[in-house]
Amino acid sequence: MPYQFTLPLAVRDYECDYEGIVNNAVYLNYIEHTRHEFLKQKGIKVVELAHQGINLVVIRLEIDYLWPLRSGDEFYVGLNVERVSRLRFAILEDIYRTADEKPILKAKVVATAIDKDGRPMRPPKELEPLLA
C-alpha cells in the first residue's frame, strides 16, 4: 500500500518486557512519534497551533496487534490520513518489520481539533490539504 509518509525506526532494549518483546504500550509511542514527524515534515507545527488556541487531539484509538517486535528489530511505520467527517480525521498507521515486511500492527487514530475552550472545530487550514 502506498503511504503518504513512512518512518524507519528500531526497537531499543528498554522498550521490551521480561519476555523480550516490545511492551504493548510502547507501540503507542511509535505511532505518536510517526504522527508528529509527519506533521513536522508537512510544515505543521503542533506547538504553534496550540499557541493559536488550536489543539489537535486523539478522540479514539483502535489497534490490532498482529505480531511482536523484539529488541534490535528494525521496522517502519506507514501513515495515511483521511477525513472522517467535517470535524474529524483519521490517521491510519501500519507497522512492518523491515527484514521481511512482516505486518506487526495496524492502528486507526481518530482525531479532531479543539479550540481554547475545548470545543470541537474544523481542522486548521494547514491540515486541509492532507485531508483532500
Foldseek 3Di string as FASTA:
>chain_A
DDFPDKDKDFAAQVQDDPVQWGDPVVVVVVVVVRVCVVCVVLVHDQVVCVVVFKHKDWDDKDKDFDATDGHGFMKMKGWAKEADDQFKIWIWIWIAGPVPRHTGMIMITIIGMAGNVRHTDGPDPSCVVRHD
